[in-house]
Amino acid sequence: MTTDLGDALDHLTILGGLQDEFLATIPAVDPATPVPWCGRWRVRDLVVHLSRIHHWAAAEARRAKETPLGRGPFVLDELYRSCAAELRETLAALGPDAPSRTLTGTGTASFWRRRQTHETLVHLWDLTTAGGLPFSADPGTWADTVDEVVTVMQPRQERLGRMEPLAAPIGLVAPDAGRDWLLGASTVADPSATVTGPADTLALLLWGRATVADERLTVRGDAAALDDALSRRLTP
């Protein structure tokens, strides 16, 4: 398994770029547009959700009590602009090593630089794809999204009792990023199945936005075990 390169990414700079692109895309998509990967959400729900998550994460990073934003209705681009700036400015002011509340307990503010980068990346894909707009991001960033699921999100789901451990791990290989992982690895080292494909497609697979039928993916091994793994609550 390759070494985690997440620490080499400048998450705060990447986050700022993704936020700017999300903000610029809001007026280009009808707020009533369905977002099929997010249940019954419409684009307006997606924008409000990411705004609230940015606002909440800023408070978590500061170890402060969140001030409720209210129920709305909101002017979508104004709401997102305000919450995105709050998060980015908070994280910049704190620095990466400031003590912080995180999803895995006490940690540092660098956790939120990474977590909100991937929250924004996936939801930017939601927004652009729902609107029929093109979108791409660096394979290294998408690979870090995969890594976060494998090393943070999925293990946390197990700890919280939201999913049972996998009987055997699933191999994930992203040749475009030069990365590979074992999802659900414990004492069993050999994967029951291995999925190979672009880093973005693997990330979207883990976040429920793609399926193994995607032509960019190649599957080897126990397809039933892979289907079982992907049916679990790998992410919140």
Protein backbone atom coordinates (compact mmCIF):
# COMPACT_ATOMS: atom_id res chain seq x y z
CA MET A 1 0.00 0.00 0.00
CA THR A 2 1.41 3.39 -0.94
CA THR A 3 2.36 6.04 1.58
CA ASP A 4 -0.25 8.66 2.51
CA LEU A 5 0.58 11.86 0.67
CA GLY A 6 -2.27 13.89 2.17
CA ASP A 7 0.10 15.94 4.32
CA ALA A 8 1.87 17.12 1.14
CA LEU A 9 -1.29 18.86 -0.13
CA ASP A 10 -1.93 22.51 0.65
CA HIS A 11 -5.49 21.87 1.76
CA LEU A 12 -6.28 25.47 2.67
CA THR A 13 -5.33 26.74 -0.78
CA ILE A 14 -7.22 23.90 -2.46
CA LEU A 15 -10.24 24.57 -0.25
CA GLY A 16 -10.26 28.24 -1.22
CA GLY A 17 -10.17 27.40 -4.91
CA LEU A 18 -13.01 24.90 -4.60
CA GLN A 19 -15.10 27.34 -2.59
CA ASP A 20 -14.59 30.05 -5.21
CA GLU A 21 -15.69 27.65 -7.94
CA PHE A 22 -18.73 26.53 -5.93
CA LEU A 23 -19.75 30.16 -5.37
CA ALA A 24 -19.32 31.01 -9.05
CA THR A 25 -21.44 28.01 -10.06
CA ILE A 26 -24.44 28.74 -7.80
CA PRO A 27 -26.03 31.31 -10.18
CA ALA A 28 -25.48 28.97 -13.16
CA VAL A 29 -27.75 26.20 -11.85
CA ASP A 30 -31.50 26.48 -11.19
CA PRO A 31 -31.96 26.11 -7.40
CA ALA A 32 -34.89 23.73 -8.02
CA THR A 33 -32.67 21.26 -9.92
CA PRO A 34 -32.71 17.77 -8.33
CA VAL A 35 -29.47 16.39 -6.88
CA PRO A 36 -30.11 12.65 -7.33
CA TRP A 37 -27.13 11.49 -5.27
CA CYS A 38 -28.45 13.32 -2.22
CA GLY A 39 -31.91 11.81 -1.79
CA ARG A 40 -34.69 14.36 -2.26
CA TRP A 41 -32.41 17.39 -2.21
CA ARG A 42 -32.61 20.18 -4.73
CA VAL A 43 -29.70 22.48 -5.49
CA ARG A 44 -30.98 25.00 -2.96
CA ASP A 45 -30.73 22.30 -0.24
CA LEU A 46 -27.19 21.44 -1.33
CA VAL A 47 -26.03 25.06 -1.12
CA VAL A 48 -27.60 25.60 2.29
CA HIS A 49 -26.14 22.31 3.54
CA LEU A 50 -22.57 23.16 2.53
CA SER A 51 -22.96 26.66 3.93
CA ARG A 52 -24.11 25.26 7.27
CA ILE A 53 -21.30 22.69 7.30
CA HIS A 54 -18.69 25.40 6.71
CA HIS A 55 -20.20 27.50 9.51
CA TRP A 56 -20.32 24.51 11.90
CA ALA A 57 -16.77 23.41 11.05
CA ALA A 58 -15.44 26.89 11.75
CA ALA A 59 -16.93 26.70 15.25
CA GLU A 60 -15.53 23.18 15.77
CA ALA A 61 -12.08 24.36 14.70
CA ARG A 62 -12.27 27.24 17.19
CA ARG A 63 -13.65 24.94 19.90
CA ALA A 64 -16.53 27.39 20.18
CA LYS A 65 -20.31 27.10 20.38
CA GLU A 66 -21.94 27.36 16.98
CA THR A 67 -24.24 30.34 16.44
CA PRO A 68 -27.31 29.05 14.54
CA LEU A 69 -27.79 30.50 11.07
CA GLY A 70 -31.57 30.31 11.28
CA ARG A 71 -34.06 28.54 9.03
CA GLY A 72 -34.02 30.94 6.08
CA PRO A 73 -35.08 31.50 3.38
CA PHE A 74 -31.62 32.57 2.29
CA VAL A 75 -30.12 34.36 -0.67
CA LEU A 76 -28.03 31.39 -1.72
CA ASP A 77 -24.89 33.02 -3.08
CA GLU A 78 -24.76 35.54 -0.22
CA LEU A 79 -25.15 32.78 2.37
CA TYR A 80 -22.45 30.63 0.81
CA ARG A 81 -20.05 33.54 0.34
CA SER A 82 -20.34 34.46 4.02
CA CYS A 83 -19.94 30.93 5.39
CA ALA A 84 -17.10 30.02 3.02
CA ALA A 85 -15.19 33.14 4.01
CA GLU A 86 -15.81 32.47 7.71
CA LEU A 87 -14.36 28.97 7.45
CA ARG A 88 -11.36 29.95 5.34
CA GLU A 89 -10.50 32.96 7.52
CA THR A 90 -10.92 30.93 10.71
CA LEU A 91 -8.60 28.18 9.53
CA ALA A 92 -6.02 30.66 8.26
CA ALA A 93 -6.02 32.56 11.55
CA LEU A 94 -5.76 29.42 13.68
CA GLY A 95 -2.96 27.81 11.74
CA PRO A 96 -2.78 24.05 11.15
CA ASP A 97 -1.49 23.10 14.61
CA ALA A 98 -4.08 24.88 16.76
CA PRO A 99 -5.97 22.54 19.15
CA SER A 100 -9.38 21.73 17.71
CA ARG A 101 -12.40 19.52 18.12
CA THR A 102 -12.54 16.97 15.31
CA LEU A 103 -14.70 14.05 14.23
CA THR A 104 -12.23 11.68 15.86
CA GLY A 105 -11.77 13.54 19.15
CA THR A 106 -9.33 16.25 20.13
CA GLY A 107 -6.93 17.09 17.34
CA THR A 108 -5.67 20.06 15.39
CA ALA A 109 -7.24 22.52 12.98
CA SER A 110 -5.44 20.82 10.08
CA PHE A 111 -8.17 18.16 10.32
CA TRP A 112 -10.75 20.70 9.16
CA ARG A 113 -8.56 21.98 6.33
CA ARG A 114 -8.61 18.46 4.91
CA ARG A 115 -12.19 17.50 5.84
CA GLN A 116 -13.72 20.64 4.38
CA THR A 117 -11.62 20.34 1.23
CA HIS A 118 -13.21 16.98 0.51
CA GLU A 119 -16.67 18.03 1.65
CA THR A 120 -16.49 20.91 -0.81
CA LEU A 121 -14.97 18.84 -3.61
CA VAL A 122 -17.71 16.20 -3.52
CA HIS A 123 -20.50 18.76 -3.26
CA LEU A 124 -18.99 20.85 -6.06
CA TRP A 125 -19.17 17.71 -8.18
CA ASP A 126 -22.82 17.36 -7.08
CA LEU A 127 -23.59 20.94 -8.07
CA THR A 128 -21.86 20.94 -11.44
CA THR A 129 -23.08 17.48 -12.41
CA ALA A 130 -26.67 18.26 -11.43
CA GLY A 131 -26.43 21.35 -13.61
CA GLY A 132 -24.92 19.49 -16.55
CA LEU A 133 -21.70 21.49 -16.28
CA PRO A 134 -18.14 20.18 -16.75
CA PHE A 135 -15.92 19.74 -13.72
CA SER A 136 -12.51 18.29 -13.05
CA ALA A 137 -9.97 18.40 -10.23
CA ASP A 138 -6.43 17.20 -9.78
CA PRO A 139 -6.12 13.41 -9.36
CA GLY A 140 -3.96 13.96 -6.29
CA THR A 141 -6.80 15.80 -4.57
CA TRP A 142 -9.31 13.10 -5.50
CA ALA A 143 -6.85 10.45 -4.26
CA ASP A 144 -6.73 12.24 -0.92
CA THR A 145 -10.53 12.04 -0.86
CA VAL A 146 -10.23 8.25 -1.20
CA ASP A 147 -7.57 8.19 1.49
CA GLU A 148 -9.76 10.13 3.91
CA VAL A 149 -12.56 7.59 3.51
CA VAL A 150 -10.18 4.66 3.99
CA THR A 151 -8.26 6.06 6.97
CA VAL A 152 -10.79 8.32 8.71
CA MET A 153 -14.40 7.99 7.63
CA GLN A 154 -14.89 4.23 7.27
CA PRO A 155 -13.01 3.36 10.51
CA ARG A 156 -15.10 6.00 12.31
CA GLN A 157 -18.31 4.45 10.97
CA GLU A 158 -17.21 1.14 12.51
CA ARG A 159 -16.33 2.75 15.85
CA LEU A 160 -19.73 4.42 16.00
CA GLY A 161 -21.50 1.12 15.26
CA ARG A 162 -22.88 2.36 11.96
CA MET A 163 -21.46 -0.60 10.05
CA GLU A 164 -20.02 -4.02 10.80
CA PRO A 165 -16.39 -4.71 9.90
CA LEU A 166 -15.85 -6.08 6.41
CA ALA A 167 -15.09 -9.79 6.26
CA ALA A 168 -12.09 -9.00 4.05
CA PRO A 169 -10.72 -5.69 2.79
CA ILE A 170 -11.37 -4.22 -0.63
CA GLY A 171 -8.42 -3.12 -2.76
CA LEU A 172 -8.56 0.27 -4.46
CA VAL A 173 -6.04 1.28 -7.12
CA ALA A 174 -5.76 4.71 -8.78
CA PRO A 175 -3.06 4.52 -11.49
CA ASP A 176 -3.50 8.20 -12.44
CA ALA A 177 -2.49 9.22 -8.91
CA GLY A 178 -0.01 6.40 -8.26
CA ARG A 179 -1.95 5.38 -5.16
CA ASP A 180 -3.51 2.22 -3.75
CA TRP A 181 -5.40 1.36 -0.56
CA LEU A 182 -7.04 -1.42 1.40
CA LEU A 183 -10.54 -0.42 2.53
CA GLY A 184 -11.57 -2.08 5.78
CA ALA A 185 -8.17 -3.63 6.42
CA SER A 186 -7.69 -5.24 9.84
CA THR A 187 -5.93 -8.53 10.42
CA VAL A 188 -6.74 -9.78 6.91
CA ALA A 189 -4.19 -8.46 4.42
CA ASP A 190 -5.50 -9.92 1.16
CA PRO A 191 -8.39 -8.09 -0.55
CA SER A 192 -11.50 -10.03 -1.49
CA ALA A 193 -11.84 -7.80 -4.54
CA THR A 194 -9.88 -4.98 -6.15
CA VAL A 195 -11.27 -1.98 -8.01
CA THR A 196 -8.96 -0.11 -10.37
CA GLY A 197 -9.78 3.22 -11.96
CA PRO A 198 -9.23 6.98 -11.92
CA ALA A 199 -8.96 8.56 -8.47
CA ASP A 200 -12.06 10.71 -9.02
CA THR A 201 -14.21 7.71 -9.92
CA LEU A 202 -12.96 5.72 -6.92
CA ALA A 203 -13.75 8.65 -4.62
CA LEU A 204 -17.21 9.04 -6.10
CA LEU A 205 -17.75 5.28 -5.74
CA LEU A 206 -16.99 5.44 -2.02
CA TRP A 207 -19.23 8.48 -1.60
CA GLY A 208 -22.15 6.83 -3.42
CA ARG A 209 -21.93 8.92 -6.58
CA ALA A 210 -20.66 6.18 -8.91
CA THR A 211 -21.25 2.44 -9.25
CA VAL A 212 -19.03 -0.51 -10.14
CA ALA A 213 -20.78 -0.54 -13.53
CA ASP A 214 -18.90 2.65 -14.44
CA GLU A 215 -16.88 1.86 -17.57
CA ARG A 216 -13.82 3.60 -16.10
CA LEU A 217 -13.59 0.96 -13.36
CA THR A 218 -12.16 -2.54 -13.55
CA VAL A 219 -13.09 -5.12 -10.90
CA ARG A 220 -11.15 -8.27 -10.07
CA GLY A 221 -12.07 -10.82 -7.42
CA ASP A 222 -15.26 -11.43 -5.47
CA ALA A 223 -17.90 -9.13 -6.96
CA ALA A 224 -20.42 -10.11 -4.27
CA ALA A 225 -18.00 -9.07 -1.52
CA LEU A 226 -17.46 -5.76 -3.27
CA ASP A 227 -21.20 -5.16 -3.62
CA ASP A 228 -21.63 -5.97 0.07
CA ALA A 229 -18.90 -3.52 1.07
CA LEU A 230 -20.36 -0.73 -1.03
CA SER A 231 -23.82 -1.33 0.45
CA ARG A 232 -22.48 -0.45 3.91
CA ARG A 233 -22.45 3.02 5.45
CA LEU A 234 -18.82 3.75 4.58
CA THR A 235 -19.32 7.49 5.08
CA PRO A 236 -21.64 9.60 7.25
